[in-house]
Amino acid sequence: MTGREEWEPAAAELVRPYVITKGRGLPDEEQLSLITLVTVAPEEGQRPTRLSPEEQRLLDICSAGYLSVAEIAGHTRLPLGVVKILLAALAEGGYLVTRSPVRRAALADREILEEVLNGLRAKFG
């Protein structure tokens, strides 16, 4: 373990979530749900240094590939709401790319399914 990893979780617990999020509110559920996938945007230069330590850590975690919001929150040990706010801010700043979950498919019509089943039974017994 490096010295930074030893003190980071303890330091994060001392800081109030309002301070970490800079007073921003939660994003819409449509924008970031628990299963929204997040990754780092292709870099066009060096990473800015004006990000908070929590935002820098989120970028480090997301640089490995697509992770869900829930997975990211689990890795950070921060409250889910705080992680959602920080991810939304990073996405708005162009640092992250989000991929919304696929919408649920519409249910098939019961009559069509029964006709297919009857046709299969007639053909194959």
Protein backbone atom coordinates (compact mmCIF):
# COMPACT_ATOMS: atom_id res chain seq x y z
CA MET A 1 0.00 0.00 0.00
CA THR A 2 1.19 3.49 -0.74
CA GLY A 3 0.89 6.30 1.74
CA ARG A 4 -1.93 7.89 -0.28
CA GLU A 5 -4.14 4.78 -0.16
CA GLU A 6 -3.75 4.55 3.61
CA TRP A 7 -5.12 7.99 4.38
CA GLU A 8 -7.58 8.51 1.53
CA PRO A 9 -10.65 6.61 2.86
CA ALA A 10 -10.29 8.15 6.32
CA ALA A 11 -9.97 11.62 4.83
CA ALA A 12 -13.03 11.10 2.63
CA GLU A 13 -15.11 10.22 5.68
CA LEU A 14 -14.23 13.52 7.35
CA VAL A 15 -15.48 15.65 4.45
CA ARG A 16 -19.20 16.30 4.25
CA PRO A 17 -20.93 15.20 1.02
CA TYR A 18 -22.17 18.77 0.45
CA VAL A 19 -18.56 19.95 0.26
CA ILE A 20 -17.53 17.16 -2.12
CA THR A 21 -20.44 17.87 -4.49
CA LYS A 22 -20.02 21.67 -4.23
CA GLY A 23 -23.72 21.98 -3.45
CA ARG A 24 -24.93 20.49 -6.73
CA GLY A 25 -28.14 18.48 -6.84
CA LEU A 26 -28.77 14.93 -8.01
CA PRO A 27 -29.02 14.36 -11.76
CA ASP A 28 -32.17 12.94 -13.32
CA GLU A 29 -32.61 9.17 -13.12
CA GLU A 30 -32.73 9.13 -16.93
CA GLN A 31 -29.30 10.76 -17.08
CA LEU A 32 -27.55 8.44 -14.61
CA SER A 33 -29.24 5.32 -13.31
CA LEU A 34 -27.55 2.55 -11.32
CA ILE A 35 -26.86 0.57 -14.49
CA THR A 36 -25.67 3.43 -16.71
CA LEU A 37 -22.23 2.56 -18.08
CA VAL A 38 -19.46 5.14 -17.71
CA THR A 39 -15.93 5.41 -19.13
CA VAL A 40 -13.32 8.11 -19.66
CA ALA A 41 -13.67 10.18 -22.81
CA PRO A 42 -10.83 9.94 -25.32
CA GLU A 43 -8.12 12.28 -24.07
CA GLU A 44 -7.35 15.36 -26.12
CA GLY A 45 -4.40 16.33 -23.97
CA GLN A 46 -3.44 16.13 -20.35
CA ARG A 47 -5.95 15.67 -17.58
CA PRO A 48 -6.86 19.00 -15.96
CA THR A 49 -5.48 19.57 -12.48
CA ARG A 50 -8.39 21.69 -11.28
CA LEU A 51 -10.50 18.68 -10.46
CA SER A 52 -11.09 17.68 -6.87
CA PRO A 53 -9.33 14.58 -5.51
CA GLU A 54 -12.65 12.70 -5.63
CA GLU A 55 -13.15 13.63 -9.29
CA GLN A 56 -9.58 12.61 -10.11
CA ARG A 57 -10.18 9.26 -8.41
CA LEU A 58 -13.39 8.72 -10.41
CA LEU A 59 -11.47 9.37 -13.63
CA ASP A 60 -8.82 6.86 -12.54
CA ILE A 61 -11.48 4.23 -11.81
CA CYS A 62 -13.32 4.85 -15.09
CA SER A 63 -10.15 4.70 -17.17
CA ALA A 64 -10.17 0.88 -17.00
CA GLY A 65 -13.21 0.63 -19.28
CA TYR A 66 -16.98 0.75 -18.96
CA LEU A 67 -18.28 0.38 -15.39
CA SER A 68 -21.79 0.87 -14.08
CA VAL A 69 -22.57 3.71 -11.69
CA ALA A 70 -23.20 1.16 -8.94
CA GLU A 71 -19.78 -0.46 -9.47
CA ILE A 72 -18.05 2.91 -9.40
CA ALA A 73 -19.80 3.84 -6.15
CA GLY A 74 -18.68 0.54 -4.64
CA HIS A 75 -15.05 1.22 -5.54
CA THR A 76 -15.06 4.74 -4.09
CA ARG A 77 -16.81 3.99 -0.79
CA LEU A 78 -18.70 7.27 -1.23
CA PRO A 79 -22.50 7.55 -1.01
CA LEU A 80 -24.26 6.74 -4.27
CA GLY A 81 -25.80 10.21 -4.52
CA VAL A 82 -22.40 11.87 -4.23
CA VAL A 83 -20.95 9.60 -6.92
CA LYS A 84 -23.89 10.33 -9.25
CA ILE A 85 -23.43 14.10 -8.81
CA LEU A 86 -19.69 13.92 -9.46
CA LEU A 87 -20.14 11.64 -12.49
CA ALA A 88 -22.78 13.98 -13.94
CA ALA A 89 -20.45 16.96 -13.52
CA LEU A 90 -17.56 15.10 -15.16
CA ALA A 91 -19.80 13.99 -18.04
CA GLU A 92 -21.02 17.57 -18.56
CA GLY A 93 -17.39 18.72 -18.58
CA GLY A 94 -16.58 16.24 -21.35
CA TYR A 95 -14.31 14.05 -19.22
CA LEU A 96 -16.62 11.01 -19.20
CA VAL A 97 -18.77 9.21 -21.74
CA THR A 98 -22.00 7.63 -20.51
CA ARG A 99 -24.02 4.90 -22.17
CA SER A 100 -27.64 4.62 -21.09
CA PRO A 101 -29.06 1.18 -20.43
CA VAL A 102 -31.01 -0.48 -23.23
CA ARG A 103 -34.72 0.04 -22.87
CA ARG A 104 -36.87 -2.93 -22.11
CA ALA A 105 -38.39 -4.53 -25.18
CA ALA A 106 -42.14 -4.36 -25.64
CA LEU A 107 -43.97 -7.54 -24.73
CA ALA A 108 -45.09 -9.70 -27.63
CA ASP A 109 -48.78 -10.03 -28.36
CA ARG A 110 -50.22 -13.13 -26.68
CA GLU A 111 -52.33 -14.06 -29.72
CA ILE A 112 -49.28 -14.14 -31.99
CA LEU A 113 -47.39 -16.33 -29.54
CA GLU A 114 -50.33 -18.76 -29.34
CA GLU A 115 -50.53 -18.93 -33.15
CA VAL A 116 -46.80 -19.72 -33.37
CA LEU A 117 -47.15 -22.36 -30.67
CA ASN A 118 -50.15 -23.94 -32.43
CA GLY A 119 -48.27 -23.92 -35.74
CA LEU A 120 -45.26 -25.65 -34.12
CA ARG A 121 -47.51 -28.26 -32.52
CA ALA A 122 -49.25 -28.90 -35.86
CA LYS A 123 -45.97 -29.33 -37.70
CA PHE A 124 -43.98 -31.29 -35.10
CA GLY A 125 -46.68 -32.95 -33.10
